[in-house]
């Protein structure tokens, strides 16, 4: 038996998010290569969900990537490029984005508190 390095344990939520990022990257790659569009993939997933309703995920579980505006897609692409450029793991990226979310929420609270 070989000695393998121990992996950091991961919650189901972390696993789902990690898988989501990996799938999003594959979708982006397929679209960039011109093999399909995000709408094509969404249609296929919708068809598969109809065939297997027990596996259906609520519509609100994840945002629909094809509904994002062109600006939002560009920002997401830029953010992913930055995360990859700096070699962040999915866990580190998630922590960073959560921190950013808290900063944005603080800014919103401060803005609400300063309105007259």
PDB file of N, CA and C in Angstrom:
ATOM      1  N   UNK A   1       0.839  -1.175   0.000  1.00  0.00           N
ATOM      2  CA  UNK A   1       0.000   0.000   0.000  1.00  0.00           C
ATOM      3  C   UNK A   1       0.889   1.244   0.000  1.00  0.00           C
ATOM      4  N   UNK A   2       0.575   2.206  -0.842  1.00  0.00           N
ATOM      5  CA  UNK A   2       1.386   3.412  -0.943  1.00  0.00           C
ATOM      6  C   UNK A   2       0.886   4.470   0.020  1.00  0.00           C
ATOM      7  N   UNK A   3       1.813   5.319   0.436  1.00  0.00           N
ATOM      8  CA  UNK A   3       1.443   6.427   1.309  1.00  0.00           C
ATOM      9  C   UNK A   3       0.962   7.583   0.457  1.00  0.00           C
ATOM     10  N   UNK A   4      -0.295   7.936   0.622  1.00  0.00           N
ATOM     11  CA  UNK A   4      -0.855   9.071  -0.098  1.00  0.00           C
ATOM     12  C   UNK A   4      -0.984  10.244   0.859  1.00  0.00           C
ATOM     13  N   UNK A   5      -0.783  11.461   0.357  1.00  0.00           N
ATOM     14  CA  UNK A   5      -0.977  12.609   1.230  1.00  0.00           C
ATOM     15  C   UNK A   5      -2.440  12.694   1.649  1.00  0.00           C
ATOM     16  N   UNK A   6      -2.645  13.063   2.913  1.00  0.00           N
ATOM     17  CA  UNK A   6      -4.014  13.187   3.411  1.00  0.00           C
ATOM     18  C   UNK A   6      -4.649  14.426   2.819  1.00  0.00           C
ATOM     19  N   UNK A   7      -5.894  14.272   2.402  1.00  0.00           N
ATOM     20  CA  UNK A   7      -6.639  15.396   1.853  1.00  0.00           C
ATOM     21  C   UNK A   7      -7.387  16.102   2.962  1.00  0.00           C
ATOM     22  N   UNK A   8      -7.536  17.395   2.769  1.00  0.00           N
ATOM     23  CA  UNK A   8      -8.341  18.184   3.682  1.00  0.00           C
ATOM     24  C   UNK A   8      -9.794  17.767   3.494  1.00  0.00           C
ATOM     25  N   UNK A   9     -10.528  17.524   4.594  1.00  0.00           N
ATOM     26  CA  UNK A   9     -11.924  17.128   4.439  1.00  0.00           C
ATOM     27  C   UNK A   9     -12.731  18.311   3.921  1.00  0.00           C
ATOM     28  N   UNK A  10     -13.830  17.978   3.267  1.00  0.00           N
ATOM     29  CA  UNK A  10     -14.625  19.000   2.606  1.00  0.00           C
ATOM     30  C   UNK A  10     -16.095  18.763   2.937  1.00  0.00           C
ATOM     31  N   UNK A  11     -16.816  19.834   3.246  1.00  0.00           N
ATOM     32  CA  UNK A  11     -18.246  19.701   3.510  1.00  0.00           C
ATOM     33  C   UNK A  11     -18.978  19.453   2.195  1.00  0.00           C
ATOM     34  N   UNK A  12     -20.225  19.015   2.309  1.00  0.00           N
ATOM     35  CA  UNK A  12     -21.019  18.813   1.098  1.00  0.00           C
ATOM     36  C   UNK A  12     -21.212  20.119   0.349  1.00  0.00           C
ATOM     37  N   UNK A  13     -21.375  21.216   1.091  1.00  0.00           N
ATOM     38  CA  UNK A  13     -21.531  22.522   0.442  1.00  0.00           C
ATOM     39  C   UNK A  13     -20.269  22.888  -0.336  1.00  0.00           C
ATOM     40  N   UNK A  14     -19.096  22.679   0.283  1.00  0.00           N
ATOM     41  CA  UNK A  14     -17.831  22.968  -0.404  1.00  0.00           C
ATOM     42  C   UNK A  14     -17.670  22.092  -1.641  1.00  0.00           C
ATOM     43  N   UNK A  15     -18.067  20.826  -1.512  1.00  0.00           N
ATOM     44  CA  UNK A  15     -17.984  19.904  -2.629  1.00  0.00           C
ATOM     45  C   UNK A  15     -18.884  20.356  -3.770  1.00  0.00           C
ATOM     46  N   UNK A  16     -20.106  20.754  -3.433  1.00  0.00           N
ATOM     47  CA  UNK A  16     -21.048  21.211  -4.456  1.00  0.00           C
ATOM     48  C   UNK A  16     -20.516  22.461  -5.154  1.00  0.00           C
ATOM     49  N   UNK A  17     -19.960  23.384  -4.375  1.00  0.00           N
ATOM     50  CA  UNK A  17     -19.430  24.620  -4.958  1.00  0.00           C
ATOM     51  C   UNK A  17     -18.219  24.316  -5.835  1.00  0.00           C
ATOM     52  N   UNK A  18     -17.355  23.435  -5.357  1.00  0.00           N
ATOM     53  CA  UNK A  18     -16.184  23.052  -6.146  1.00  0.00           C
ATOM     54  C   UNK A  18     -16.614  22.420  -7.469  1.00  0.00           C
ATOM     55  N   UNK A  19     -17.589  21.520  -7.402  1.00  0.00           N
ATOM     56  CA  UNK A  19     -18.100  20.899  -8.627  1.00  0.00           C
ATOM     57  C   UNK A  19     -18.735  21.930  -9.538  1.00  0.00           C
ATOM     58  N   UNK A  20     -19.453  22.886  -8.955  1.00  0.00           N
ATOM     59  CA  UNK A  20     -20.090  23.923  -9.755  1.00  0.00           C
ATOM     60  C   UNK A  20     -19.041  24.717 -10.530  1.00  0.00           C
ATOM     61  N   UNK A  21     -17.934  25.088  -9.862  1.00  0.00           N
ATOM     62  CA  UNK A  21     -16.877  25.852 -10.536  1.00  0.00           C
ATOM     63  C   UNK A  21     -16.249  25.036 -11.656  1.00  0.00           C
ATOM     64  N   UNK A  22     -16.027  23.745 -11.392  1.00  0.00           N
ATOM     65  CA  UNK A  22     -15.428  22.900 -12.415  1.00  0.00           C
ATOM     66  C   UNK A  22     -16.354  22.757 -13.622  1.00  0.00           C
ATOM     67  N   UNK A  23     -17.637  22.580 -13.366  1.00  0.00           N
ATOM     68  CA  UNK A  23     -18.607  22.476 -14.457  1.00  0.00           C
ATOM     69  C   UNK A  23     -18.683  23.800 -15.211  1.00  0.00           C
ATOM     70  N   UNK A  24     -18.687  24.910 -14.476  1.00  0.00           N
ATOM     71  CA  UNK A  24     -18.730  26.227 -15.122  1.00  0.00           C
ATOM     72  C   UNK A  24     -17.515  26.420 -16.032  1.00  0.00           C
ATOM     73  N   UNK A  25     -16.357  25.956 -15.587  1.00  0.00           N
ATOM     74  CA  UNK A  25     -15.147  26.073 -16.405  1.00  0.00           C
ATOM     75  C   UNK A  25     -15.269  25.231 -17.671  1.00  0.00           C
ATOM     76  N   UNK A  26     -15.814  24.028 -17.545  1.00  0.00           N
ATOM     77  CA  UNK A  26     -15.999  23.178 -18.721  1.00  0.00           C
ATOM     78  C   UNK A  26     -16.998  23.796 -19.699  1.00  0.00           C
ATOM     79  N   UNK A  27     -18.081  24.349 -19.171  1.00  0.00           N
ATOM     80  CA  UNK A  27     -19.076  25.008 -20.025  1.00  0.00           C
ATOM     81  C   UNK A  27     -18.428  26.176 -20.753  1.00  0.00           C
ATOM     82  N   UNK A  28     -17.652  26.959 -20.028  1.00  0.00           N
ATOM     83  CA  UNK A  28     -16.980  28.112 -20.634  1.00  0.00           C
ATOM     84  C   UNK A  28     -16.023  27.661 -21.740  1.00  0.00           C
ATOM     85  N   UNK A  29     -15.286  26.592 -21.484  1.00  0.00           N
ATOM     86  CA  UNK A  29     -14.354  26.068 -22.479  1.00  0.00           C
ATOM     87  C   UNK A  29     -15.091  25.587 -23.730  1.00  0.00           C
ATOM     88  N   UNK A  30     -16.176  24.849 -23.542  1.00  0.00           N
ATOM     89  CA  UNK A  30     -16.960  24.377 -24.689  1.00  0.00           C
ATOM     90  C   UNK A  30     -17.497  25.545 -25.511  1.00  0.00           C
ATOM     91  N   UNK A  31     -17.955  26.587 -24.810  1.00  0.00           N
ATOM     92  CA  UNK A  31     -18.482  27.749 -25.522  1.00  0.00           C
ATOM     93  C   UNK A  31     -17.368  28.496 -26.256  1.00  0.00           C
ATOM     94  N   UNK A  32     -16.228  28.682 -25.598  1.00  0.00           N
ATOM     95  CA  UNK A  32     -15.107  29.387 -26.248  1.00  0.00           C
ATOM     96  C   UNK A  32     -14.606  28.649 -27.477  1.00  0.00           C
ATOM     97  N   UNK A  33     -14.646  27.315 -27.422  1.00  0.00           N
ATOM     98  CA  UNK A  33     -14.200  26.510 -28.564  1.00  0.00           C
ATOM     99  C   UNK A  33     -15.263  26.452 -29.651  1.00  0.00           C
ATOM    100  N   UNK A  34     -16.433  27.029 -29.382  1.00  0.00           N
ATOM    101  CA  UNK A  34     -17.494  27.053 -30.372  1.00  0.00           C
ATOM    102  C   UNK A  34     -18.211  25.725 -30.537  1.00  0.00           C
ATOM    103  N   UNK A  35     -18.087  24.847 -29.557  1.00  0.00           N
ATOM    104  CA  UNK A  35     -18.718  23.529 -29.654  1.00  0.00           C
ATOM    105  C   UNK A  35     -20.186  23.564 -29.253  1.00  0.00           C
ATOM    106  N   UNK A  36     -20.556  24.504 -28.386  1.00  0.00           N
ATOM    107  CA  UNK A  36     -21.951  24.662 -27.985  1.00  0.00           C
ATOM    108  C   UNK A  36     -22.087  25.991 -27.238  1.00  0.00           C
ATOM    109  N   UNK A  37     -23.330  26.347 -26.950  1.00  0.00           N
ATOM    110  CA  UNK A  37     -23.586  27.562 -26.168  1.00  0.00           C
ATOM    111  C   UNK A  37     -24.066  27.162 -24.782  1.00  0.00           C
ATOM    112  N   UNK A  38     -24.083  28.123 -23.875  1.00  0.00           N
ATOM    113  CA  UNK A  38     -24.604  27.860 -22.543  1.00  0.00           C
ATOM    114  C   UNK A  38     -26.075  27.490 -22.624  1.00  0.00           C
ATOM    115  N   UNK A  39     -26.782  28.110 -23.544  1.00  0.00           N
ATOM    116  CA  UNK A  39     -28.204  27.787 -23.729  1.00  0.00           C
ATOM    117  C   UNK A  39     -28.365  26.337 -24.182  1.00  0.00           C
ATOM    118  N   UNK A  40     -27.486  25.859 -25.091  1.00  0.00           N
ATOM    119  CA  UNK A  40     -27.544  24.456 -25.530  1.00  0.00           C
ATOM    120  C   UNK A  40     -27.416  23.520 -24.336  1.00  0.00           C
ATOM    121  N   UNK A  41     -26.440  23.803 -23.477  1.00  0.00           N
ATOM    122  CA  UNK A  41     -26.218  22.948 -22.310  1.00  0.00           C
ATOM    123  C   UNK A  41     -27.382  23.022 -21.333  1.00  0.00           C
ATOM    124  N   UNK A  42     -27.936  24.217 -21.161  1.00  0.00           N
ATOM    125  CA  UNK A  42     -29.091  24.361 -20.280  1.00  0.00           C
ATOM    126  C   UNK A  42     -30.260  23.536 -20.809  1.00  0.00           C
ATOM    127  N   UNK A  43     -30.477  23.572 -22.118  1.00  0.00           N
ATOM    128  CA  UNK A  43     -31.565  22.798 -22.725  1.00  0.00           C
ATOM    129  C   UNK A  43     -31.369  21.298 -22.507  1.00  0.00           C
ATOM    130  N   UNK A  44     -30.123  20.834 -22.641  1.00  0.00           N
ATOM    131  CA  UNK A  44     -29.828  19.409 -22.434  1.00  0.00           C
ATOM    132  C   UNK A  44     -30.081  19.026 -20.977  1.00  0.00           C
ATOM    133  N   UNK A  45     -29.631  19.848 -20.052  1.00  0.00           N
ATOM    134  CA  UNK A  45     -29.842  19.574 -18.627  1.00  0.00           C
ATOM    135  C   UNK A  45     -31.336  19.557 -18.314  1.00  0.00           C
ATOM    136  N   UNK A  46     -32.087  20.506 -18.861  1.00  0.00           N
ATOM    137  CA  UNK A  46     -33.537  20.558 -18.646  1.00  0.00           C
ATOM    138  C   UNK A  46     -34.192  19.272 -19.155  1.00  0.00           C
ATOM    139  N   UNK A  47     -33.767  18.816 -20.325  1.00  0.00           N
ATOM    140  CA  UNK A  47     -34.296  17.573 -20.895  1.00  0.00           C
ATOM    141  C   UNK A  47     -33.976  16.374 -19.993  1.00  0.00           C
ATOM    142  N   UNK A  48     -32.736  16.315 -19.503  1.00  0.00           N
ATOM    143  CA  UNK A  48     -32.346  15.215 -18.616  1.00  0.00           C
ATOM    144  C   UNK A  48     -33.133  15.252 -17.305  1.00  0.00           C
ATOM    145  N   UNK A  49     -33.379  16.441 -16.788  1.00  0.00           N
ATOM    146  CA  UNK A  49     -34.162  16.564 -15.550  1.00  0.00           C
ATOM    147  C   UNK A  49     -35.592  16.083 -15.755  1.00  0.00           C
ATOM    148  N   UNK A  50     -36.155  16.349 -16.936  1.00  0.00           N
ATOM    149  CA  UNK A  50     -37.520  15.884 -17.223  1.00  0.00           C
ATOM    150  C   UNK A  50     -37.567  14.357 -17.255  1.00  0.00           C
ATOM    151  N   UNK A  51     -36.513  13.731 -17.776  1.00  0.00           N
ATOM    152  CA  UNK A  51     -36.464  12.270 -17.850  1.00  0.00           C
ATOM    153  C   UNK A  51     -36.252  11.645 -16.475  1.00  0.00           C
ATOM    154  N   UNK A  52     -35.613  12.373 -15.572  1.00  0.00           N
ATOM    155  CA  UNK A  52     -35.324  11.865 -14.230  1.00  0.00           C
ATOM    156  C   UNK A  52     -35.736  12.923 -13.196  1.00  0.00           C
ATOM    157  N   UNK A  53     -37.036  13.065 -12.942  1.00  0.00           N
ATOM    158  CA  UNK A  53     -37.512  14.148 -12.069  1.00  0.00           C
ATOM    159  C   UNK A  53     -36.993  14.080 -10.637  1.00  0.00           C
ATOM    160  N   UNK A  54     -36.599  12.902 -10.167  1.00  0.00           N
ATOM    161  CA  UNK A  54     -36.085  12.800  -8.795  1.00  0.00           C
ATOM    162  C   UNK A  54     -34.780  13.572  -8.637  1.00  0.00           C
ATOM    163  N   UNK A  55     -34.067  13.768  -9.724  1.00  0.00           N
ATOM    164  CA  UNK A  55     -32.786  14.479  -9.668  1.00  0.00           C
ATOM    165  C   UNK A  55     -32.968  15.970  -9.892  1.00  0.00           C
ATOM    166  N   UNK A  56     -34.217  16.422 -10.012  1.00  0.00           N
ATOM    167  CA  UNK A  56     -34.478  17.832 -10.305  1.00  0.00           C
ATOM    168  C   UNK A  56     -33.996  18.722  -9.161  1.00  0.00           C
ATOM    169  N   UNK A  57     -33.307  19.765  -9.519  1.00  0.00           N
ATOM    170  CA  UNK A  57     -32.811  20.752  -8.560  1.00  0.00           C
ATOM    171  C   UNK A  57     -33.736  21.956  -8.622  1.00  0.00           C
ATOM    172  N   UNK A  58     -34.114  22.525  -7.483  1.00  0.00           N
ATOM    173  CA  UNK A  58     -34.977  23.708  -7.533  1.00  0.00           C
ATOM    174  C   UNK A  58     -34.363  24.801  -8.397  1.00  0.00           C
ATOM    175  N   UNK A  59     -35.214  25.513  -9.123  1.00  0.00           N
ATOM    176  CA  UNK A  59     -34.741  26.564 -10.025  1.00  0.00           C
ATOM    177  C   UNK A  59     -33.921  27.624  -9.307  1.00  0.00           C
ATOM    178  N   UNK A  60     -34.179  27.822  -8.020  1.00  0.00           N
ATOM    179  CA  UNK A  60     -33.488  28.874  -7.271  1.00  0.00           C
ATOM    180  C   UNK A  60     -32.172  28.412  -6.660  1.00  0.00           C
ATOM    181  N   UNK A  61     -31.812  27.147  -6.833  1.00  0.00           N
ATOM    182  CA  UNK A  61     -30.606  26.631  -6.177  1.00  0.00           C
ATOM    183  C   UNK A  61     -29.341  27.323  -6.678  1.00  0.00           C
ATOM    184  N   UNK A  62     -29.237  27.517  -7.984  1.00  0.00           N
ATOM    185  CA  UNK A  62     -28.070  28.156  -8.565  1.00  0.00           C
ATOM    186  C   UNK A  62     -28.544  29.172  -9.597  1.00  0.00           C
ATOM    187  N   UNK A  63     -27.846  30.284  -9.728  1.00  0.00           N
ATOM    188  CA  UNK A  63     -28.251  31.245 -10.757  1.00  0.00           C
ATOM    189  C   UNK A  63     -28.054  30.652 -12.143  1.00  0.00           C
ATOM    190  N   UNK A  64     -28.914  30.999 -13.050  1.00  0.00           N
ATOM    191  CA  UNK A  64     -28.804  30.520 -14.425  1.00  0.00           C
ATOM    192  C   UNK A  64     -27.732  31.335 -15.130  1.00  0.00           C
ATOM    193  N   UNK A  65     -26.591  30.728 -15.496  1.00  0.00           N
ATOM    194  CA  UNK A  65     -25.488  31.500 -16.072  1.00  0.00           C
ATOM    195  C   UNK A  65     -25.854  32.198 -17.377  1.00  0.00           C
ATOM    196  N   UNK A  66     -26.747  31.623 -18.164  1.00  0.00           N
ATOM    197  CA  UNK A  66     -27.076  32.240 -19.436  1.00  0.00           C
ATOM    198  C   UNK A  66     -27.948  33.476 -19.268  1.00  0.00           C
ATOM    199  N   UNK A  67     -28.503  33.709 -18.071  1.00  0.00           N
ATOM    200  CA  UNK A  67     -29.335  34.882 -17.838  1.00  0.00           C
ATOM    201  C   UNK A  67     -28.515  36.114 -17.460  1.00  0.00           C
ATOM    202  N   UNK A  68     -27.241  35.912 -17.218  1.00  0.00           N
ATOM    203  CA  UNK A  68     -26.388  37.028 -16.841  1.00  0.00           C
ATOM    204  C   UNK A  68     -26.174  37.952 -18.030  1.00  0.00           C
ATOM    205  N   UNK A  69     -25.980  39.211 -17.730  1.00  0.00           N
ATOM    206  CA  UNK A  69     -25.727  40.161 -18.806  1.00  0.00           C
ATOM    207  C   UNK A  69     -24.307  39.970 -19.323  1.00  0.00           C
ATOM    208  N   UNK A  70     -24.031  40.556 -20.456  1.00  0.00           N
ATOM    209  CA  UNK A  70     -22.692  40.470 -21.041  1.00  0.00           C
ATOM    210  C   UNK A  70     -21.651  41.054 -20.079  1.00  0.00           C
ATOM    211  N   UNK A  71     -22.009  42.168 -19.411  1.00  0.00           N
ATOM    212  CA  UNK A  71     -21.100  42.798 -18.451  1.00  0.00           C
ATOM    213  C   UNK A  71     -20.813  41.862 -17.288  1.00  0.00           C
ATOM    214  N   UNK A  72     -21.878  41.235 -16.763  1.00  0.00           N
ATOM    215  CA  UNK A  72     -21.688  40.307 -15.651  1.00  0.00           C
ATOM    216  C   UNK A  72     -20.817  39.130 -16.055  1.00  0.00           C
ATOM    217  N   UNK A  73     -21.045  38.591 -17.235  1.00  0.00           N
ATOM    218  CA  UNK A  73     -20.213  37.482 -17.719  1.00  0.00           C
ATOM    219  C   UNK A  73     -18.754  37.902 -17.847  1.00  0.00           C
ATOM    220  N   UNK A  74     -18.502  39.116 -18.334  1.00  0.00           N
ATOM    221  CA  UNK A  74     -17.127  39.616 -18.476  1.00  0.00           C
ATOM    222  C   UNK A  74     -16.469  39.741 -17.105  1.00  0.00           C
ATOM    223  N   UNK A  75     -17.199  40.264 -16.126  1.00  0.00           N
ATOM    224  CA  UNK A  75     -16.661  40.409 -14.770  1.00  0.00           C
ATOM    225  C   UNK A  75     -16.336  39.041 -14.182  1.00  0.00           C
ATOM    226  N   UNK A  76     -17.235  38.085 -14.369  1.00  0.00           N
ATOM    227  CA  UNK A  76     -16.993  36.729 -13.855  1.00  0.00           C
ATOM    228  C   UNK A  76     -15.762  36.124 -14.519  1.00  0.00           C
ATOM    229  N   UNK A  77     -15.657  36.266 -15.838  1.00  0.00           N
ATOM    230  CA  UNK A  77     -14.480  35.750 -16.545  1.00  0.00           C
ATOM    231  C   UNK A  77     -13.194  36.377 -16.005  1.00  0.00           C
ATOM    232  N   UNK A  78     -13.225  37.706 -15.788  1.00  0.00           N
ATOM    233  CA  UNK A  78     -12.046  38.403 -15.271  1.00  0.00           C
ATOM    234  C   UNK A  78     -11.694  37.923 -13.861  1.00  0.00           C
ATOM    235  N   UNK A  79     -12.723  37.722 -13.034  1.00  0.00           N
ATOM    236  CA  UNK A  79     -12.482  37.259 -11.663  1.00  0.00           C
ATOM    237  C   UNK A  79     -11.883  35.852 -11.663  1.00  0.00           C
ATOM    238  N   UNK A  80     -12.436  34.967 -12.501  1.00  0.00           N
ATOM    239  CA  UNK A  80     -11.894  33.608 -12.581  1.00  0.00           C
ATOM    240  C   UNK A  80     -10.451  33.624 -13.079  1.00  0.00           C
ATOM    241  N   UNK A  81     -10.165  34.485 -14.046  1.00  0.00           N
ATOM    242  CA  UNK A  81      -8.796  34.597 -14.553  1.00  0.00           C
ATOM    243  C   UNK A  81      -7.846  35.058 -13.448  1.00  0.00           C
ATOM    244  N   UNK A  82      -8.287  36.022 -12.640  1.00  0.00           N
ATOM    245  CA  UNK A  82      -7.458  36.494 -11.533  1.00  0.00           C
ATOM    246  C   UNK A  82      -7.221  35.404 -10.498  1.00  0.00           C
ATOM    247  N   UNK A  83      -8.278  34.687 -10.140  1.00  0.00           N
ATOM    248  CA  UNK A  83      -8.134  33.602  -9.163  1.00  0.00           C
ATOM    249  C   UNK A  83      -7.158  32.550  -9.676  1.00  0.00           C
ATOM    250  N   UNK A  84      -7.290  32.210 -10.952  1.00  0.00           N
ATOM    251  CA  UNK A  84      -6.381  31.221 -11.545  1.00  0.00           C
ATOM    252  C   UNK A  84      -4.961  31.763 -11.650  1.00  0.00           C
ATOM    253  N   UNK A  85      -4.830  33.028 -12.023  1.00  0.00           N
ATOM    254  CA  UNK A  85      -3.512  33.649 -12.171  1.00  0.00           C
ATOM    255  C   UNK A  85      -2.723  33.578 -10.865  1.00  0.00           C
ATOM    256  N   UNK A  86      -3.429  33.756  -9.754  1.00  0.00           N
ATOM    257  CA  UNK A  86      -2.767  33.751  -8.456  1.00  0.00           C
ATOM    258  C   UNK A  86      -2.739  32.362  -7.822  1.00  0.00           C
ATOM    259  N   UNK A  87      -3.227  31.360  -8.551  1.00  0.00           N
ATOM    260  CA  UNK A  87      -3.116  29.973  -8.104  1.00  0.00           C
ATOM    261  C   UNK A  87      -3.966  29.624  -6.893  1.00  0.00           C
ATOM    262  N   UNK A  88      -5.076  30.317  -6.694  1.00  0.00           N
ATOM    263  CA  UNK A  88      -5.926  30.015  -5.556  1.00  0.00           C
ATOM    264  C   UNK A  88      -6.677  28.712  -5.787  1.00  0.00           C
ATOM    265  N   UNK A  89      -6.792  27.924  -4.726  1.00  0.00           N
ATOM    266  CA  UNK A  89      -7.588  26.703  -4.799  1.00  0.00           C
ATOM    267  C   UNK A  89      -9.063  27.098  -4.756  1.00  0.00           C
ATOM    268  N   UNK A  90      -9.928  26.137  -5.020  1.00  0.00           N
ATOM    269  CA  UNK A  90     -11.364  26.441  -4.969  1.00  0.00           C
ATOM    270  C   UNK A  90     -11.762  26.873  -3.560  1.00  0.00           C
ATOM    271  N   UNK A  91     -11.170  26.249  -2.554  1.00  0.00           N
ATOM    272  CA  UNK A  91     -11.476  26.615  -1.166  1.00  0.00           C
ATOM    273  C   UNK A  91     -11.001  28.044  -0.861  1.00  0.00           C
ATOM    274  N   UNK A  92      -9.796  28.380  -1.273  1.00  0.00           N
ATOM    275  CA  UNK A  92      -9.278  29.735  -1.060  1.00  0.00           C
ATOM    276  C   UNK A  92     -10.113  30.760  -1.830  1.00  0.00           C
ATOM    277  N   UNK A  93     -10.501  30.415  -3.052  1.00  0.00           N
ATOM    278  CA  UNK A  93     -11.327  31.316  -3.852  1.00  0.00           C
ATOM    279  C   UNK A  93     -12.672  31.553  -3.182  1.00  0.00           C
ATOM    280  N   UNK A  94     -13.257  30.484  -2.675  1.00  0.00           N
ATOM    281  CA  UNK A  94     -14.546  30.607  -1.994  1.00  0.00           C
ATOM    282  C   UNK A  94     -14.422  31.512  -0.770  1.00  0.00           C
ATOM    283  N   UNK A  95     -13.389  31.306   0.029  1.00  0.00           N
ATOM    284  CA  UNK A  95     -13.180  32.151   1.212  1.00  0.00           C
ATOM    285  C   UNK A  95     -13.007  33.616   0.827  1.00  0.00           C
ATOM    286  N   UNK A  96     -12.246  33.857  -0.216  1.00  0.00           N
ATOM    287  CA  UNK A  96     -12.018  35.227  -0.679  1.00  0.00           C
ATOM    288  C   UNK A  96     -13.321  35.875  -1.133  1.00  0.00           C
ATOM    289  N   UNK A  97     -14.103  35.137  -1.907  1.00  0.00           N
ATOM    290  CA  UNK A  97     -15.365  35.687  -2.408  1.00  0.00           C
ATOM    291  C   UNK A  97     -16.372  35.893  -1.272  1.00  0.00           C
ATOM    292  N   UNK A  98     -16.344  35.026  -0.266  1.00  0.00           N
ATOM    293  CA  UNK A  98     -17.211  35.226   0.898  1.00  0.00           C
ATOM    294  C   UNK A  98     -16.817  36.499   1.640  1.00  0.00           C
ATOM    295  N   UNK A  99     -15.517  36.716   1.784  1.00  0.00           N
ATOM    296  CA  UNK A  99     -15.044  37.955   2.430  1.00  0.00           C
ATOM    297  C   UNK A  99     -15.489  39.174   1.631  1.00  0.00           C
ATOM    298  N   UNK A 100     -15.376  39.097   0.316  1.00  0.00           N
ATOM    299  CA  UNK A 100     -15.809  40.193  -0.544  1.00  0.00           C
ATOM    300  C   UNK A 100     -17.300  40.449  -0.372  1.00  0.00           C
ATOM    301  N   UNK A 101     -18.084  39.378  -0.280  1.00  0.00           N
ATOM    302  CA  UNK A 101     -19.522  39.513  -0.059  1.00  0.00           C
ATOM    303  C   UNK A 101     -19.826  40.232   1.246  1.00  0.00           C
ATOM    304  N   UNK A 102     -19.076  39.899   2.303  1.00  0.00           N
ATOM    305  CA  UNK A 102     -19.283  40.568   3.595  1.00  0.00           C
ATOM    306  C   UNK A 102     -18.913  42.045   3.512  1.00  0.00           C
ATOM    307  N   UNK A 103     -17.862  42.358   2.769  1.00  0.00           N
ATOM    308  CA  UNK A 103     -17.465  43.767   2.595  1.00  0.00           C
ATOM    309  C   UNK A 103     -18.565  44.529   1.863  1.00  0.00           C
ATOM    310  N   UNK A 104     -19.120  43.922   0.833  1.00  0.00           N
ATOM    311  CA  UNK A 104     -20.200  44.566   0.078  1.00  0.00           C
ATOM    312  C   UNK A 104     -21.415  44.770   0.974  1.00  0.00           C
ATOM    313  N   UNK A 105     -21.759  43.749   1.771  1.00  0.00           N
ATOM    314  CA  UNK A 105     -22.893  43.872   2.696  1.00  0.00           C
ATOM    315  C   UNK A 105     -22.666  44.994   3.699  1.00  0.00           C
ATOM    316  N   UNK A 106     -21.438  45.129   4.217  1.00  0.00           N
ATOM    317  CA  UNK A 106     -21.132  46.222   5.147  1.00  0.00           C
ATOM    318  C   UNK A 106     -21.325  47.563   4.466  1.00  0.00           C
ATOM    319  N   UNK A 107     -20.869  47.667   3.224  1.00  0.00           N
ATOM    320  CA  UNK A 107     -21.048  48.906   2.469  1.00  0.00           C
ATOM    321  C   UNK A 107     -22.518  49.237   2.280  1.00  0.00           C
ATOM    322  N   UNK A 108     -23.336  48.223   2.018  1.00  0.00           N
ATOM    323  CA  UNK A 108     -24.777  48.447   1.861  1.00  0.00           C
ATOM    324  C   UNK A 108     -25.392  48.945   3.170  1.00  0.00           C
ATOM    325  N   UNK A 109     -24.975  48.310   4.281  1.00  0.00           N
ATOM    326  CA  UNK A 109     -25.512  48.718   5.585  1.00  0.00           C
ATOM    327  C   UNK A 109     -25.109  50.135   5.907  1.00  0.00           C
ATOM    328  N   UNK A 110     -23.854  50.477   5.610  1.00  0.00           N
ATOM    329  CA  UNK A 110     -23.384  51.846   5.873  1.00  0.00           C
ATOM    330  C   UNK A 110     -24.138  52.855   5.007  1.00  0.00           C
ATOM    331  N   UNK A 111     -24.369  52.496   3.751  1.00  0.00           N
ATOM    332  CA  UNK A 111     -25.086  53.392   2.854  1.00  0.00           C
ATOM    333  C   UNK A 111     -26.517  53.605   3.337  1.00  0.00           C
ATOM    334  N   UNK A 112     -27.157  52.560   3.824  1.00  0.00           N
ATOM    335  CA  UNK A 112     -28.529  52.696   4.344  1.00  0.00           C
ATOM    336  C   UNK A 112     -28.544  53.569   5.583  1.00  0.00           C
ATOM    337  N   UNK A 113     -27.519  53.469   6.403  1.00  0.00           N
ATOM    338  CA  UNK A 113     -27.446  54.240   7.632  1.00  0.00           C
ATOM    339  C   UNK A 113     -27.163  55.708   7.409  1.00  0.00           C
ATOM    340  N   UNK A 114     -26.612  56.075   6.250  1.00  0.00           N
ATOM    341  CA  UNK A 114     -26.275  57.477   5.994  1.00  0.00           C
ATOM    342  C   UNK A 114     -27.340  58.223   5.212  1.00  0.00           C
ATOM    343  N   UNK A 115     -28.398  57.512   4.781  1.00  0.00           N
ATOM    344  CA  UNK A 115     -29.475  58.179   4.042  1.00  0.00           C
ATOM    345  C   UNK A 115     -30.327  58.999   5.001  1.00  0.00           C
ATOM    346  N   UNK A 116     -30.797  60.132   4.495  1.00  0.00           N
ATOM    347  CA  UNK A 116     -31.638  60.996   5.328  1.00  0.00           C
ATOM    348  C   UNK A 116     -33.044  61.017   4.825  1.00  0.00           C
TER     349      UNK A 116
END
